[in-house]
Protein backbone atom coordinates (compact mmCIF):
# COMPACT_ATOMS: atom_id res chain seq x y z
CA UNK A 1 163.55 124.90 206.23
CA UNK A 2 162.32 128.39 205.85
CA UNK A 3 163.88 130.53 208.68
CA UNK A 4 162.89 134.11 210.06
CA UNK A 5 165.57 136.60 209.64
CA UNK A 6 166.80 135.78 213.17
CA UNK A 7 167.69 132.11 212.20
CA UNK A 8 164.54 130.43 214.07
CA UNK A 9 162.91 128.01 211.90
CA UNK A 10 159.13 129.05 210.97
CA UNK A 11 156.45 126.02 211.51
CA UNK A 12 152.80 125.86 211.24
CA UNK A 13 151.14 128.34 213.56
CA UNK A 14 153.58 130.67 213.11
CA UNK A 15 152.08 134.48 212.34
CA UNK A 16 154.55 136.47 209.71
CA UNK A 17 152.72 139.90 209.16
CA UNK A 18 149.58 139.09 210.36
CA UNK A 19 149.86 136.07 207.95
CA UNK A 20 149.20 132.78 209.87
CA UNK A 21 150.77 129.62 208.45
CA UNK A 22 149.22 126.60 207.92
CA UNK A 23 150.33 122.89 206.70
CA UNK A 24 153.48 122.93 204.75
CA UNK A 25 153.29 122.41 201.18
CA UNK A 26 156.56 121.96 199.49
CA UNK A 27 160.11 122.37 201.15
CA UNK A 28 162.26 122.79 198.05
CA UNK A 29 166.43 123.82 198.07
CA UNK A 30 165.52 127.70 198.18
CA UNK A 31 162.42 127.55 199.64
CA UNK A 32 159.51 126.57 201.55
CA UNK A 33 155.82 127.28 200.79
CA UNK A 34 152.84 127.11 203.36
CA UNK A 35 149.30 127.20 203.22
CA UNK A 36 147.96 130.17 204.87
CA UNK A 37 145.40 130.07 207.43
CA UNK A 38 142.24 132.23 208.68
CA UNK A 39 139.54 131.86 211.74
CA UNK A 40 137.55 129.45 209.26
CA UNK A 41 140.28 127.56 207.90
CA UNK A 42 142.53 127.64 204.76
CA UNK A 43 142.48 130.50 202.46
CA UNK A 44 143.08 130.90 199.12
CA UNK A 45 146.63 131.90 199.80
CA UNK A 46 150.10 130.73 200.45
CA UNK A 47 153.29 132.21 201.00
CA UNK A 48 156.75 131.36 200.01
CA UNK A 49 159.61 132.09 202.35
CA UNK A 50 162.90 131.67 201.16
CA UNK A 51 165.63 129.43 203.31
CA UNK A 52 167.90 131.81 205.11
CA UNK A 53 170.63 131.36 208.09
CA UNK A 54 173.72 129.36 208.49
CA UNK A 55 174.35 126.58 205.76
CA UNK A 56 172.45 128.11 203.21
CA UNK A 57 173.42 129.99 199.75
CA UNK A 58 173.11 133.53 199.31
CA UNK A 59 171.83 132.72 195.69
CA UNK A 60 168.63 131.76 197.73
CA UNK A 61 167.96 135.64 198.07
CA UNK A 62 168.66 136.35 194.91
CA UNK A 63 166.02 133.70 193.37
CA UNK A 64 163.50 135.34 195.80
CA UNK A 65 164.20 138.86 194.41
CA UNK A 66 163.93 137.36 190.99
CA UNK A 67 160.61 135.90 191.56
CA UNK A 68 159.06 138.62 193.77
CA UNK A 69 160.37 141.20 190.18
CA UNK A 70 159.16 138.52 187.56
CA UNK A 71 155.55 137.79 189.11
CA UNK A 72 154.96 141.70 189.92
CA UNK A 73 154.72 142.17 186.38
CA UNK A 74 152.68 138.87 185.33
CA UNK A 75 149.03 138.45 184.72
CA UNK A 76 146.74 136.20 183.64
CA UNK A 77 145.24 132.61 184.38
CA UNK A 78 148.74 130.67 183.74
CA UNK A 79 151.01 132.36 186.59
CA UNK A 80 149.72 132.50 189.86
CA UNK A 81 148.66 135.95 191.43
CA UNK A 82 151.07 138.02 193.11
CA UNK A 83 149.24 139.49 196.65
CA UNK A 84 151.84 140.93 198.62
CA UNK A 85 155.64 140.72 199.37
CA UNK A 86 157.84 141.14 202.39
CA UNK A 87 160.56 143.18 202.24
CA UNK A 88 164.16 141.85 202.31
CA UNK A 89 165.27 144.14 204.49
CA UNK A 90 163.06 142.81 207.15
CA UNK A 91 161.24 139.40 206.11
CA UNK A 92 161.33 138.22 202.78
CA UNK A 93 158.13 136.20 201.67
CA UNK A 94 155.79 136.11 198.79
CA UNK A 95 152.19 135.90 199.27
CA UNK A 96 150.31 134.71 196.20
CA UNK A 97 147.16 133.19 194.97
CA UNK A 98 146.83 129.34 196.00
CA UNK A 99 146.10 127.44 192.53
CA UNK A 100 143.79 124.55 192.68
CA UNK A 101 144.95 121.58 190.95
CA UNK A 102 147.73 118.82 191.24
CA UNK A 103 151.07 118.74 189.34
CA UNK A 104 151.91 117.22 186.33
CA UNK A 105 154.50 114.94 187.49
CA UNK A 106 151.04 113.27 188.96
CA UNK A 107 150.76 112.30 185.38
CA UNK A 108 154.53 111.77 184.93
CA UNK A 109 154.13 109.09 187.67
CA UNK A 110 151.51 107.04 185.58
CA UNK A 111 153.54 107.51 182.21
CA UNK A 112 153.73 105.92 179.86
CA UNK A 113 150.25 107.41 178.68
CA UNK A 114 148.12 107.13 175.56
CA UNK A 115 149.05 109.59 173.45
CA UNK A 116 145.88 111.68 173.19
CA UNK A 117 146.92 112.08 176.73
CA UNK A 118 150.10 113.16 176.29
CA UNK A 119 148.38 115.69 173.54
CA UNK A 120 146.17 117.18 175.84
CA UNK A 121 148.50 118.06 178.63
CA UNK A 122 151.27 118.98 176.54
CA UNK A 123 149.19 121.68 174.68
CA UNK A 124 148.22 123.03 177.78
CA UNK A 125 151.38 123.51 178.84
CA UNK A 126 152.29 125.18 175.41
CA UNK A 127 149.40 127.65 175.70
CA UNK A 128 150.71 128.93 178.83
CA UNK A 129 154.35 129.02 177.72
CA UNK A 130 153.06 131.39 175.23
CA UNK A 131 151.51 133.54 177.35
CA UNK A 132 153.90 133.74 179.54
CA UNK A 133 156.49 134.41 176.48
CA UNK A 134 154.40 136.91 174.86
CA UNK A 135 155.00 138.98 178.33
CA UNK A 136 158.84 138.77 177.61
CA UNK A 137 159.52 136.34 180.08
CA UNK A 138 161.51 133.04 179.66
CA UNK A 139 160.65 130.33 182.66
CA UNK A 140 164.33 128.60 182.52
CA UNK A 141 163.28 125.64 185.08
CA UNK A 142 160.32 124.06 183.14
CA UNK A 143 159.95 120.69 184.92
CA UNK A 144 156.59 118.99 185.94
CA UNK A 145 156.69 119.87 189.29
CA UNK A 146 156.75 123.58 188.46
CA UNK A 147 153.20 122.94 186.16
CA UNK A 148 149.90 122.61 187.91
CA UNK A 149 146.71 121.90 186.62
CA UNK A 150 143.56 123.49 187.04
CA UNK A 151 140.18 121.52 186.90
CA UNK A 152 139.28 123.01 183.99
CA UNK A 153 142.17 121.57 182.42
CA UNK A 154 143.95 124.68 181.81
CA UNK A 155 148.30 124.83 182.84
CA UNK A 156 149.57 127.13 185.47
CA UNK A 157 153.45 127.77 185.72
CA UNK A 158 154.99 128.53 188.96
CA UNK A 159 158.62 129.00 190.53
CA UNK A 160 159.83 131.59 188.84
CA UNK A 161 163.57 132.04 190.85
CA UNK A 162 165.48 131.53 188.09
CA UNK A 163 163.32 133.13 185.38
CA UNK A 164 164.96 135.64 182.60
CA UNK A 165 162.71 139.06 181.74
CA UNK A 166 164.07 140.81 178.86
CA UNK A 167 163.39 144.48 180.51
CA UNK A 168 164.78 143.75 183.85
CA UNK A 169 168.64 143.24 184.36
CA UNK A 170 169.52 139.45 184.71
CA UNK A 171 170.01 138.97 188.48
CA UNK A 172 171.62 135.31 188.18
CA UNK A 173 173.88 135.61 185.12
CA UNK A 174 176.74 136.86 187.10
CA UNK A 175 175.70 134.18 190.15
CA UNK A 176 176.08 131.71 188.75
CA UNK A 177 178.81 130.06 186.41
CA UNK A 178 177.80 126.61 185.90
CA UNK A 179 174.40 126.16 184.56
CA UNK A 180 171.67 126.75 186.57
CA UNK A 181 168.18 124.81 186.36
CA UNK A 182 166.85 121.44 186.48
CA UNK A 183 169.25 119.36 184.37
CA UNK A 184 166.97 116.52 182.98
CA UNK A 185 165.00 119.39 181.17
CA UNK A 186 167.83 121.67 180.57
CA UNK A 187 168.38 123.14 176.67
CA UNK A 188 171.55 123.00 174.98
CA UNK A 189 172.42 126.71 174.90
CA UNK A 190 171.57 126.93 179.06
CA UNK A 191 174.13 124.53 179.47
CA UNK A 192 176.28 127.37 177.50
CA UNK A 193 175.39 130.74 179.50
CA UNK A 194 172.16 131.42 177.24
CA UNK A 195 169.43 132.69 179.57
CA UNK A 196 167.13 134.70 177.02
CA UNK A 197 165.83 132.33 174.53
CA UNK A 198 162.23 131.64 174.79
CA UNK A 199 162.89 128.34 172.81
CA UNK A 200 164.88 127.21 175.55
CA UNK A 201 161.40 126.36 177.56
CA UNK A 202 160.69 124.89 174.16
CA UNK A 203 162.84 122.11 174.68
CA UNK A 204 162.05 121.52 178.51
CA UNK A 205 158.60 120.78 176.99
CA UNK A 206 159.80 118.46 174.87
CA UNK A 207 161.66 116.98 177.76
CA UNK A 208 157.99 116.87 179.85
CA UNK A 209 156.46 115.27 176.15
CA UNK A 210 159.02 112.65 176.16
CA UNK A 211 158.52 111.30 179.84
CA UNK A 212 154.63 111.39 179.48
CA UNK A 213 155.23 109.12 176.42
CA UNK A 214 157.80 106.99 177.20
CA UNK A 215 157.95 107.26 180.87
CA UNK A 216 161.82 107.98 180.70
CA UNK A 217 163.67 110.85 180.63
CA UNK A 218 165.50 111.91 176.87
CA UNK A 219 168.85 111.95 178.94
CA UNK A 220 168.20 110.25 182.31
CA UNK A 221 169.92 111.99 185.13
CA UNK A 222 173.08 113.57 184.73
CA UNK A 223 175.24 113.54 187.58
CA UNK A 224 178.29 115.55 185.93
CA UNK A 225 178.85 118.43 183.52
CA UNK A 226 180.43 116.09 180.95
CA UNK A 227 176.93 113.76 180.91
CA UNK A 228 174.89 117.29 180.42
CA UNK A 229 176.69 118.33 177.83
CA UNK A 230 175.87 114.61 175.73
CA UNK A 231 172.87 116.48 175.01
CA UNK A 232 174.80 119.17 172.56
CA UNK A 233 175.78 116.03 170.33
CA UNK A 234 173.80 113.20 170.97
CA UNK A 235 169.83 112.29 170.48
CA UNK A 236 167.63 110.75 172.67
CA UNK A 237 166.47 107.17 171.80
CA UNK A 238 163.52 107.81 169.85
CA UNK A 239 159.71 107.38 171.74
CA UNK A 240 158.69 104.85 169.49
CA UNK A 241 161.81 102.33 169.80
CA UNK A 242 160.55 102.56 173.76
CA UNK A 243 156.97 102.61 172.99
CA UNK A 244 156.11 101.25 169.76
CA UNK A 245 152.62 102.26 170.32
CA UNK A 246 153.59 105.80 169.47
CA UNK A 247 152.17 107.39 166.69
CA UNK A 248 154.85 109.18 164.03
CA UNK A 249 153.05 112.71 164.90
CA UNK A 250 153.59 112.39 168.68
CA UNK A 251 157.28 111.76 167.98
CA UNK A 252 158.14 114.38 165.33
CA UNK A 253 156.93 117.00 167.49
CA UNK A 254 158.59 115.66 170.52
CA UNK A 255 161.68 115.11 168.53
CA UNK A 256 161.28 118.80 167.09
CA UNK A 257 161.46 120.47 170.26
CA UNK A 258 164.03 118.71 171.89
CA UNK A 259 166.37 119.73 168.56
CA UNK A 260 170.12 120.42 169.61
CA UNK A 261 169.84 123.69 167.88
CA UNK A 262 167.30 126.57 169.02
CA UNK A 263 166.68 127.40 165.17
CA UNK A 264 165.80 123.91 164.38
CA UNK A 265 162.94 123.70 167.08
CA UNK A 266 159.35 125.61 166.84
CA UNK A 267 159.81 129.04 166.72
CA UNK A 268 156.68 129.31 169.31
CA UNK A 269 154.98 127.47 172.09
CA UNK A 270 151.99 128.46 170.01
CA UNK A 271 153.03 126.42 167.25
CA UNK A 272 153.16 123.51 169.87
CA UNK A 273 150.07 123.73 171.02
CA UNK A 274 148.49 123.96 167.59
CA UNK A 275 150.13 120.96 166.68
CA UNK A 276 149.19 118.87 169.25
CA UNK A 277 145.78 119.90 169.16
CA UNK A 278 145.96 119.25 165.52
CA UNK A 279 147.79 116.11 164.98
CA UNK A 280 146.07 115.11 161.77
CA UNK A 281 147.80 118.23 159.92
CA UNK A 282 151.39 117.15 161.29
CA UNK A 283 153.72 116.86 158.45
CA UNK A 284 155.52 113.90 159.34
CA UNK A 285 159.38 113.60 158.57
CA UNK A 286 162.35 111.18 159.09
CA UNK A 287 162.53 112.37 162.59
CA UNK A 288 158.81 110.99 163.19
CA UNK A 289 159.84 107.91 161.68
CA UNK A 290 162.95 107.35 163.16
CA UNK A 291 163.93 104.14 165.40
CA UNK A 292 167.14 104.88 166.20
CA UNK A 293 169.19 108.21 167.25
CA UNK A 294 171.73 109.79 164.62
CA UNK A 295 174.54 108.24 163.68
CA UNK A 296 178.23 109.28 164.57
CA UNK A 297 178.80 111.30 161.66
CA UNK A 298 176.18 113.68 162.66
CA UNK A 299 177.29 113.63 166.04
CA UNK A 300 180.79 114.47 164.82
CA UNK A 301 178.83 117.54 163.19
CA UNK A 302 177.31 118.69 166.37
CA UNK A 303 180.42 118.10 168.37
CA UNK A 304 182.37 120.49 166.56
CA UNK A 305 179.37 122.68 166.52
CA UNK A 306 179.58 122.68 170.15
CA UNK A 307 183.28 123.19 170.41
CA UNK A 308 183.03 126.69 168.44
CA UNK A 309 179.84 127.97 169.99
CA UNK A 310 179.13 131.51 170.12
CA UNK A 311 175.89 132.74 171.52
CA UNK A 312 173.34 134.40 169.02
CA UNK A 313 171.01 137.21 169.96
CA UNK A 314 168.20 136.33 171.41
CA UNK A 315 164.92 136.95 170.09
CA UNK A 316 163.48 140.34 170.33
CA UNK A 317 161.10 141.30 172.83
CA UNK A 318 157.58 140.86 172.01
CA UNK A 319 156.72 144.11 171.95
CA UNK A 320 158.60 147.54 170.72
CA UNK A 321 158.90 149.45 173.67
CA UNK A 322 160.34 153.62 174.21
CA UNK A 323 164.12 153.31 174.87
CA UNK A 324 164.64 152.86 178.48
CA UNK A 325 168.68 153.54 179.18
CA UNK A 326 170.05 150.83 181.97
CA UNK A 327 172.26 152.82 183.99
CA UNK A 328 174.54 150.99 186.77
CA UNK A 329 175.70 152.96 189.78
CA UNK A 330 178.77 151.11 191.36
CA UNK A 331 178.54 151.60 195.12
CA UNK A 332 181.05 150.60 197.32
CA UNK A 333 178.98 149.15 200.17
CA UNK A 334 182.36 147.31 201.58
CA UNK A 335 183.42 151.12 202.70
CA UNK A 336 181.76 154.19 203.87
CA UNK A 337 182.19 157.11 202.03
CA UNK A 338 179.24 159.57 202.22
CA UNK A 339 180.81 162.29 200.02
CA UNK A 340 181.01 160.04 197.53
CA UNK A 341 177.81 158.39 198.04
CA UNK A 342 176.22 161.66 197.79
CA UNK A 343 178.37 162.94 194.77
CA UNK A 344 176.85 159.48 192.93
CA UNK A 345 173.16 160.32 193.87
CA UNK A 346 173.81 163.86 192.63
CA UNK A 347 174.92 162.42 189.27
CA UNK A 348 172.19 159.77 189.51
CA UNK A 349 169.72 163.03 189.88
CA UNK A 350 170.82 164.27 186.82
CA UNK A 351 170.83 161.46 184.25
CA UNK A 352 167.09 160.71 185.44
CA UNK A 353 166.34 164.45 184.85
CA UNK A 354 167.63 164.08 181.57
CA UNK A 355 166.26 160.34 180.98
CA UNK A 356 162.56 159.97 182.76
CA UNK A 357 162.82 156.55 181.24
CA UNK A 358 165.72 155.25 182.56
CA UNK A 359 166.12 152.38 185.09
CA UNK A 360 168.64 152.55 187.64
CA UNK A 361 170.82 149.45 188.54
CA UNK A 362 172.42 149.65 192.44
CA UNK A 363 175.49 147.05 191.98
CA UNK A 364 178.02 146.11 194.78
CA UNK A 365 180.90 144.02 194.67
CA UNK A 366 181.87 141.92 197.49
CA UNK A 367 184.21 138.94 198.33
CA UNK A 368 182.44 135.45 198.37
CA UNK A 369 180.89 134.14 201.40
CA UNK A 370 181.14 130.96 202.49
CA UNK A 371 177.72 129.06 202.44
CA UNK A 372 178.87 126.75 205.34
CA UNK A 373 180.94 127.25 208.60
CA UNK A 374 179.35 130.57 210.25
CA UNK A 375 178.41 130.17 213.97
CA UNK A 376 176.31 133.12 214.26
CA UNK A 377 173.19 133.87 212.19
CA UNK A 378 174.56 137.53 211.12
CA UNK A 379 177.90 135.93 210.01
CA UNK A 380 175.65 133.56 207.66
CA UNK A 381 176.30 133.84 203.86
CA UNK A 382 171.95 134.95 203.76
CA UNK A 383 172.64 137.46 206.07
CA UNK A 384 175.62 139.04 204.88
CA UNK A 385 174.12 139.16 201.19
CA UNK A 386 170.91 141.00 202.90
CA UNK A 387 172.85 143.60 204.77
CA UNK A 388 174.78 144.78 201.38
CA UNK A 389 171.08 144.92 199.67
CA UNK A 390 169.77 147.37 202.51
CA UNK A 391 173.21 149.49 201.97
CA UNK A 392 172.18 149.73 198.56
CA UNK A 393 168.50 150.67 199.48
CA UNK A 394 169.50 153.12 202.00
CA UNK A 395 171.75 155.07 199.30
CA UNK A 396 168.89 155.07 196.88
CA UNK A 397 166.26 156.10 199.40
CA UNK A 398 166.87 159.65 198.60
CA UNK A 399 166.38 159.36 195.05
CA UNK A 400 162.72 159.03 195.70
CA UNK A 401 162.30 156.58 192.75
CA UNK A 402 159.86 154.29 191.67
CA UNK A 403 160.14 150.66 192.62
CA UNK A 404 159.91 149.35 189.07
CA UNK A 405 162.75 152.03 188.09
CA UNK A 406 165.11 150.58 190.70
CA UNK A 407 167.25 147.37 191.05
CA UNK A 408 169.45 146.34 193.64
CA UNK A 409 172.30 143.73 192.91
CA UNK A 410 175.05 142.14 195.15
CA UNK A 411 177.52 139.87 192.64
CA UNK A 412 180.07 138.27 194.88
CA UNK A 413 183.30 138.32 192.91
CA UNK A 414 187.07 138.26 193.87
CA UNK A 415 187.65 140.40 190.90
CA UNK A 416 185.42 143.78 191.48
CA UNK A 417 186.43 145.30 187.91
CA UNK A 418 185.57 141.81 185.72
CA UNK A 419 182.33 141.33 187.93
CA UNK A 420 181.28 145.07 186.83
CA UNK A 421 182.25 144.78 183.11
CA UNK A 422 180.85 141.47 182.94
CA UNK A 423 177.76 142.84 184.60
CA UNK A 424 177.40 146.13 182.11
CA UNK A 425 177.76 143.12 179.15
CA UNK A 426 175.27 140.76 179.68
CA UNK A 427 172.87 143.05 180.62
CA UNK A 428 172.89 145.74 177.88
CA UNK A 429 174.12 148.65 180.48
CA UNK A 430 174.33 152.00 178.73
CA UNK A 431 175.88 153.95 181.22
CA UNK A 432 177.88 152.97 184.54
CA UNK A 433 178.91 155.52 187.17
CA UNK A 434 181.39 154.96 189.59
CA UNK A 435 183.42 156.97 192.32
CA UNK A 436 186.55 158.37 191.47
CA UNK A 437 189.40 157.84 193.78
CA UNK A 438 190.59 159.82 196.51
CA UNK A 439 193.89 161.52 196.53
CA UNK A 440 194.68 160.07 199.99
CA UNK A 441 194.88 156.60 200.30
CA UNK A 442 193.49 154.88 197.01
CA UNK A 443 191.07 151.87 198.36
CA UNK A 444 190.96 149.13 195.61
CA UNK A 445 187.22 150.37 194.76
CA UNK A 446 188.30 153.69 193.66
CA UNK A 447 191.92 153.39 192.25
CA UNK A 448 192.69 150.57 189.83
CA UNK A 449 188.95 149.32 189.64
CA UNK A 450 187.24 152.44 188.30
CA UNK A 451 190.12 152.46 185.65
CA UNK A 452 190.10 149.35 184.78
CA UNK A 453 186.37 149.48 184.21
CA UNK A 454 186.79 152.83 182.34
CA UNK A 455 189.19 151.06 180.08
CA UNK A 456 187.20 147.70 179.48
CA UNK A 457 183.88 148.47 179.64
CA UNK A 458 181.39 147.97 176.90
CA UNK A 459 179.66 151.26 177.54
CA UNK A 460 180.16 154.95 178.55
CA UNK A 461 181.42 155.47 182.31
CA UNK A 462 181.09 158.37 184.07
CA UNK A 463 183.90 159.02 186.94
CA UNK A 464 182.05 160.72 189.69
CA UNK A 465 184.29 163.23 192.31
CA UNK A 466 182.95 164.89 195.40
CA UNK A 467 183.00 168.90 195.59
CA UNK A 468 186.08 170.47 196.60
CA UNK A 469 185.89 170.13 200.39
CA UNK A 470 183.21 167.54 200.43
CA UNK A 471 186.00 164.30 200.79
CA UNK A 472 185.52 162.33 203.92
CA UNK A 473 187.98 160.50 206.05
CA UNK A 474 189.78 157.84 204.41
CA UNK A 475 189.07 154.54 206.65
């Protein structure tokens, strides 16, 4: 369950920063959700608390940071309103609007549903996705449990812990080496590591339409990467082969969403909403009429495509903005060297003065922490991860930059230079600032690592050296 920073479980009736926890609504792998209560009963608010402590993964902290960042910039009726957040240094939580209405999985439990009901629900989800994509966010964890249906029939998308925002660094790109998300609804390109394409959400919506129509998942419940990768070459059984009353227009829409290659899907969720609301205008192709999956020749062609897959560029942001450079400041939180820390701050101040639109990403690389096996709460993976985040924030505090221009990233890796290089590549970083090695007792961060980053990074690298006489003692 969700824990306090001391490791004690939080329960109904506990107070968190003046908020009283009510009934627990949900307990997931990464967080717990509680209704909040006041003197007169439930409030129109919930609190989401990441699961911390012994046995929990550090990715829970990263997922919290992603959701806090993404919800903080989203607006509109299709996402819950974020009210306030607890700081990761002290007590992390998100307080947000309580959305009245059941989850879409209530309808899935009654599937197969009539075509008109599937179209109504699907159009509502598509409209919500379109508004999300217009704000440059890809959900990447779309499933029936993460869609709430308001009494007026509109859909609300929740749980943005795995989301990607085109204007922010991707905190999850370096953390996970296996496909991250809900496997039954995952798009083929996500399996291959692409996390920035809105058409991945189109695929997940197609899987939801399939499930509402047939009562089955298009590819079942894969338990292994091998089973998961089957969707790179295979089609699902056509809905009309499972439920003969399925109209051709609904199968056409569903299977187009489930196309293996993103370019063959709908270009936008708005187009899906239109077709579901005006199904008499849907052009029926072989896709809508088929009664069996594609044959072996098509599967072989797709298998060859998957074997040589190279991620293409993601669609551009929906609104053009002025160039805003991303600058990584590599900070060795595993070492204490105030002279280098201050030199990095001075260099950062000069960059901020020259590029008043730049965003600063404070990054440290630490050895991987085991999720299990800690005997003390302070040694748990989540506690260690938070300690490094706190050190990054303390380093940045003297800069006095607005919060929306600072991000903090703890990357777990046994290869620090490669981790920094990969981070810069994935997040389109413009420049890296890294401390120079001292003349005595080179540490790994400050010797060969800086050299490797300079040699292999895909962006400019500035090596920062303390002023003469300012070197700290080497530990």
